[in-house]
Protein backbone atom coordinates (compact mmCIF):
# COMPACT_ATOMS: atom_id res chain seq x y z
CA MET A 1 26.35 3.97 -94.14
CA SER A 2 22.85 4.73 -95.89
CA ASP A 3 22.28 7.19 -98.85
CA HIS A 4 19.92 9.29 -96.38
CA ALA A 5 23.05 9.39 -93.75
CA SER A 6 25.59 10.51 -96.32
CA ILE A 7 23.61 13.12 -97.87
CA GLN A 8 22.51 14.70 -94.12
CA GLN A 9 26.09 14.35 -93.12
CA GLU A 10 27.49 16.52 -96.68
CA HIS A 11 24.33 18.84 -96.02
CA PRO A 12 24.51 19.46 -91.93
CA GLN A 13 21.13 20.31 -91.06
CA HIS A 14 21.64 24.61 -90.25
CA TRP A 15 19.25 26.99 -88.50
CA GLU A 16 19.23 30.67 -88.77
CA THR A 17 19.79 32.37 -85.65
CA SER A 18 19.33 36.02 -84.80
CA ILE A 19 18.89 38.57 -82.16
CA TRP A 20 17.50 41.17 -84.20
CA PRO A 21 13.49 40.01 -84.31
CA LEU A 22 13.88 39.78 -80.73
CA ILE A 23 14.89 43.24 -79.92
CA MET A 24 12.20 44.24 -82.88
CA ALA A 25 9.29 42.55 -80.98
CA VAL A 26 10.77 44.16 -77.72
CA GLY A 27 10.82 47.72 -79.46
CA ILE A 28 6.79 47.26 -80.68
CA LEU A 29 5.70 46.42 -77.29
CA VAL A 30 7.22 49.10 -75.51
CA ALA A 31 6.34 52.08 -78.31
CA LEU A 32 2.95 50.61 -79.08
CA PRO A 33 0.93 49.00 -76.27
CA LEU A 34 2.90 50.35 -73.27
CA GLY A 35 2.79 53.86 -74.85
CA PHE A 36 -0.84 53.48 -75.62
CA THR A 37 -1.82 52.38 -72.17
CA PHE A 38 0.27 54.83 -70.71
CA LYS A 39 -1.65 57.97 -72.41
CA PHE A 40 -5.00 56.76 -73.27
CA ALA A 41 -5.78 54.29 -70.02
CA TYR A 42 -3.86 55.80 -67.51
CA ASN A 43 -3.22 59.79 -68.49
CA GLN A 44 0.62 59.66 -68.10
CA PRO A 45 1.80 61.62 -71.39
CA LEU A 46 5.54 61.69 -70.40
CA ALA A 47 5.54 57.84 -69.41
CA ALA A 48 4.05 57.55 -73.03
CA VAL A 49 6.64 59.77 -74.96
CA LEU A 50 9.40 57.80 -72.46
CA CYS A 51 8.06 54.52 -73.80
CA LEU A 52 8.16 55.93 -77.30
CA GLY A 53 12.25 57.11 -76.68
CA VAL A 54 12.93 53.74 -75.44
CA GLY A 55 11.24 51.56 -78.02
CA VAL A 56 11.22 53.79 -81.51
CA PRO A 57 15.17 53.71 -81.47
CA LEU A 58 15.23 49.39 -80.75
CA ILE A 59 12.72 49.34 -83.55
CA ILE A 60 15.21 51.11 -85.62
CA ALA A 61 18.28 49.25 -84.52
CA ALA A 62 16.76 46.13 -84.81
CA VAL A 63 15.95 46.85 -88.46
CA ALA A 64 19.26 47.92 -89.53
CA GLY A 65 20.70 45.10 -88.03
CA TRP A 66 18.01 42.68 -89.14
CA VAL A 67 19.06 43.84 -92.75
CA ASN A 68 22.78 43.79 -91.93
CA GLU A 69 22.42 39.99 -91.65
CA ALA A 70 20.29 39.57 -94.88
CA ILE A 71 22.83 41.59 -96.78
CA THR A 72 25.97 39.84 -95.64
CA GLY A 73 24.66 36.64 -96.37
CA GLY A 74 22.31 35.81 -93.57
CA GLU A 75 18.30 34.59 -93.92
CA GLY A 76 16.95 37.41 -92.44
CA LEU A 77 13.72 39.26 -94.21
CA SER A 78 13.96 36.07 -97.03
CA ALA A 79 11.44 36.38 -99.75
CA PRO A 80 9.34 33.65 -98.05
CA ALA A 81 9.37 35.60 -94.33
CA MET A 82 8.39 38.67 -96.12
CA GLY A 83 4.73 36.83 -97.89
CA TRP A 84 3.90 35.77 -94.68
CA PHE A 85 5.15 39.10 -93.10
CA ILE A 86 3.23 40.96 -95.42
CA LEU A 87 -0.16 38.91 -95.46
CA ALA A 88 -0.22 39.72 -91.42
CA GLU A 89 0.07 43.42 -91.79
CA ALA A 90 -2.83 42.84 -94.53
CA MET A 91 -4.86 41.15 -91.83
CA ILE A 92 -3.99 44.44 -89.48
CA PHE A 93 -5.19 46.88 -92.20
CA VAL A 94 -8.04 45.19 -92.66
CA SER A 95 -9.33 45.05 -89.25
CA PHE A 96 -8.73 48.90 -89.31
CA PHE A 97 -10.72 49.51 -92.71
CA ALA A 98 -13.52 47.24 -91.56
CA SER A 99 -13.84 49.02 -88.26
CA TYR A 100 -13.82 52.33 -89.96
CA TRP A 101 -16.80 51.13 -92.80
CA TYR A 102 -18.77 50.03 -89.74
CA MET A 103 -18.95 53.39 -88.29
CA ARG A 104 -18.65 55.53 -91.50
CA LEU A 105 -21.67 52.98 -92.50
CA THR A 106 -24.10 53.32 -89.51
CA ALA A 107 -23.16 56.95 -88.39
CA PRO A 108 -26.37 59.13 -88.61
CA ASP A 109 -23.69 61.80 -89.37
CA TRP A 110 -20.67 61.89 -91.58
CA PRO A 111 -17.75 63.38 -90.70
CA PRO A 112 -18.47 63.34 -86.73
CA GLY A 113 -19.04 67.21 -85.37
CA GLY A 114 -15.43 69.01 -84.39
CA THR A 115 -14.08 67.16 -87.91
CA PRO A 116 -12.52 70.12 -89.57
CA GLU A 117 -12.24 69.79 -93.74
CA LEU A 118 -9.70 68.00 -94.33
CA PRO A 119 -6.96 68.55 -97.11
CA VAL A 120 -7.87 67.97 -101.31
CA VAL A 121 -5.00 68.35 -103.08
CA LEU A 122 -1.96 67.50 -100.42
CA PRO A 123 -3.18 63.67 -100.43
CA LEU A 124 -3.04 63.81 -104.38
CA VAL A 125 0.73 64.68 -103.88
CA MET A 126 1.58 62.40 -101.38
CA THR A 127 0.17 59.85 -103.41
CA THR A 128 2.10 61.05 -106.71
CA ALA A 129 5.34 60.74 -104.08
CA LEU A 130 4.87 57.46 -103.20
CA VAL A 131 4.03 55.71 -106.46
CA ALA A 132 6.38 57.65 -107.87
CA SER A 133 9.09 55.78 -105.21
CA SER A 134 8.05 52.22 -106.35
CA LEU A 135 9.14 53.02 -110.07
CA THR A 136 12.33 54.43 -109.23
CA PHE A 137 13.31 51.36 -106.87
CA HIS A 138 11.71 49.15 -109.71
CA ALA A 139 14.33 51.19 -111.83
CA GLY A 140 17.24 50.70 -109.16
CA GLU A 141 16.37 47.24 -109.51
CA VAL A 142 16.62 46.63 -112.84
CA MET A 143 20.19 48.67 -113.13
CA LEU A 144 21.09 46.15 -110.32
CA GLY A 145 20.18 42.94 -112.37
CA ARG A 146 22.41 44.57 -115.22
CA GLY A 147 25.23 44.61 -112.85
CA ASP A 148 25.21 48.76 -112.67
CA ARG A 149 25.53 49.13 -108.92
CA GLY A 150 26.38 53.21 -109.25
CA ARG A 151 22.87 53.93 -110.85
CA PHE A 152 21.30 51.36 -108.21
CA VAL A 153 22.64 53.41 -105.48
CA ALA A 154 21.34 56.66 -107.06
CA TRP A 155 17.85 55.37 -107.92
CA LEU A 156 17.94 54.31 -104.14
CA VAL A 157 18.65 57.42 -103.09
CA VAL A 158 15.98 59.16 -104.36
CA THR A 159 13.33 55.96 -103.94
CA MET A 160 14.53 57.05 -99.93
CA LEU A 161 13.85 60.79 -100.93
CA LEU A 162 10.62 60.43 -101.94
CA GLY A 163 9.63 58.07 -98.94
CA SER A 164 11.05 60.74 -96.75
CA ALA A 165 9.21 63.82 -98.41
CA PHE A 166 6.12 61.52 -97.94
CA ILE A 167 7.05 61.46 -94.32
CA GLY A 168 7.29 64.82 -94.34
CA MET A 169 3.80 65.90 -95.79
CA SER A 170 1.93 63.46 -93.19
CA LEU A 171 4.04 65.19 -90.45
CA TYR A 172 3.04 68.85 -91.72
CA GLU A 173 -0.73 67.88 -92.60
CA TRP A 174 -0.58 65.91 -88.82
CA ALA A 175 0.72 69.33 -87.56
CA HIS A 176 -1.68 71.66 -89.36
CA LEU A 177 -4.98 69.35 -87.94
CA PHE A 178 -3.48 68.99 -84.39
CA GLY A 179 -3.46 72.75 -84.79
CA GLN A 180 -7.22 73.07 -85.81
CA GLY A 181 -8.08 70.89 -82.66
CA PHE A 182 -8.55 68.04 -84.62
CA ASN A 183 -6.42 65.29 -82.56
CA PHE A 184 -6.43 62.04 -81.42
CA GLU A 185 -9.34 62.51 -79.01
CA THR A 186 -12.10 64.54 -80.95
CA ASN A 187 -14.60 61.50 -82.08
CA ALA A 188 -14.12 58.65 -83.75
CA TYR A 189 -13.08 59.78 -87.24
CA SER A 190 -10.15 61.12 -85.88
CA THR A 191 -9.25 58.35 -84.01
CA VAL A 192 -9.58 55.85 -86.99
CA PHE A 193 -8.06 58.61 -88.83
CA TYR A 194 -4.77 59.04 -86.81
CA THR A 195 -4.77 55.52 -86.60
CA ILE A 196 -4.81 53.83 -90.32
CA THR A 197 -2.71 56.77 -91.35
CA GLY A 198 -0.55 56.23 -88.80
CA PHE A 199 0.07 52.74 -89.17
CA HIS A 200 0.84 53.05 -92.53
CA GLY A 201 3.32 56.05 -91.81
CA ALA A 202 5.19 53.37 -89.45
CA HIS A 203 5.51 51.14 -92.09
CA VAL A 204 6.93 53.50 -94.49
CA ALA A 205 9.01 54.84 -91.80
CA VAL A 206 10.54 50.88 -91.60
CA GLY A 207 10.60 50.68 -95.25
CA LEU A 208 13.36 53.83 -95.56
CA GLY A 209 15.25 51.97 -92.36
CA ILE A 210 15.28 48.86 -94.32
CA PHE A 211 16.99 51.10 -97.35
CA LEU A 212 18.88 53.19 -95.29
CA ALA A 213 20.70 50.10 -93.88
CA MET A 214 20.95 48.31 -97.77
CA LEU A 215 22.60 51.66 -98.82
CA VAL A 216 25.52 52.29 -96.68
CA PRO A 217 26.55 48.18 -97.46
CA ALA A 218 26.08 49.29 -101.11
CA LEU A 219 28.15 51.99 -101.14
CA SER A 220 31.09 49.91 -100.68
CA ARG A 221 29.73 47.71 -103.21
CA ARG A 222 28.35 44.61 -100.85
CA THR A 223 24.70 44.25 -102.22
CA ASN A 224 22.19 41.13 -101.38
CA ASP A 225 20.41 40.84 -104.76
CA GLY A 226 17.78 38.52 -103.13
CA PHE A 227 17.21 40.74 -100.43
CA VAL A 228 17.46 43.88 -102.90
CA ARG A 229 13.89 42.51 -104.19
CA THR A 230 12.22 41.25 -100.91
CA ALA A 231 12.89 44.80 -99.57
CA GLY A 232 11.10 45.77 -103.03
CA VAL A 233 8.00 43.63 -102.25
CA TYR A 234 7.53 45.21 -98.95
CA TRP A 235 7.61 48.62 -100.26
CA HIS A 236 5.31 47.61 -103.08
CA PHE A 237 3.16 46.50 -100.54
CA VAL A 238 3.40 49.64 -98.91
CA ASP A 239 2.34 51.56 -101.87
CA ILE A 240 -0.49 49.58 -102.63
CA VAL A 241 -2.21 49.71 -99.63
CA TRP A 242 -2.16 53.74 -98.96
CA LEU A 243 -3.86 53.67 -101.97
CA PHE A 244 -6.71 51.82 -100.29
CA VAL A 245 -6.02 54.57 -97.08
CA VAL A 246 -6.20 57.94 -99.15
CA SER A 247 -9.13 56.47 -101.19
CA GLN A 248 -11.24 55.52 -98.22
CA VAL A 249 -9.86 57.97 -95.37
CA TYR A 250 -9.83 60.64 -97.48
CA TYR A 251 -12.07 60.41 -100.36
CA TRP A 252 -15.21 58.80 -98.98
C-alpha cells in the first residue's frame, strides 16, 4: 500500500453537513423577499406580517442550531467561513451606501420634503453602547483565555445587555419617527434610512442570537473557544459598520 493511500486510510475525508443553513435560507427568503413583495408590490400588509411571523423564528432557530453544532464540536460558523460571510455582507452594505451617496449627491435638495429633524443625541448614545459592547466582549475573550469561565459569562451577559439596549433605542427611534409620519414610503431618504438602519439592526439581532446560544451551554461550562473568537469577529464587524451608518445617515 502506498504512503498516500495509508494516509487516506488513517485520516478519512470528512464532510461537515448541517440542516441549519438551509433552514436559515428558507427563513430569510420568507421574511425578506416574500414579505417585502407582499407589502410593497401587492399591498398586502397582513400577508407580509405573516411572512415575518414564519421567517423570523426560522432564522432565530437556525442561528441557535448552527451555534449549538459549533459549540459541541462541529465546524459551523468557523473562522474561514465567517471571513467569507463578512466579505459578502460588506458588499451588501457598500451597495446600500453607494445608492445613498448617489441620491444624496444628485438631489437638488436634501433631505427631501417631509423629512423630520432626526435626533442628534440618541445616535451618539447608541454608538457608545455598541462600541462598549465590543470592549466588553473582548474582555470576556480575555477571561476565557485565562480559563476564568465565570467572568467570561459575566462579560458576555453585559455585552448582550448593551446590544439589547441598542436594539431598544433603535426601535424607540423608529416608533418616534413613524409617529411623525416618517415611514418607509415618505420619500427617498426615508426608504434608504430604514433600509440601512434596519439591515444593520438585523445583524445586531443575529449577533444577540449567537450570544444567547453561546450563553446557555456556557452556563454549564461548555464553550468552544474557537467559536467564541469567530463570533467576536462578527460582532466587531457589526460595530465597525455602525460607525459608517451613523456618520453617513445621521450626520451627513
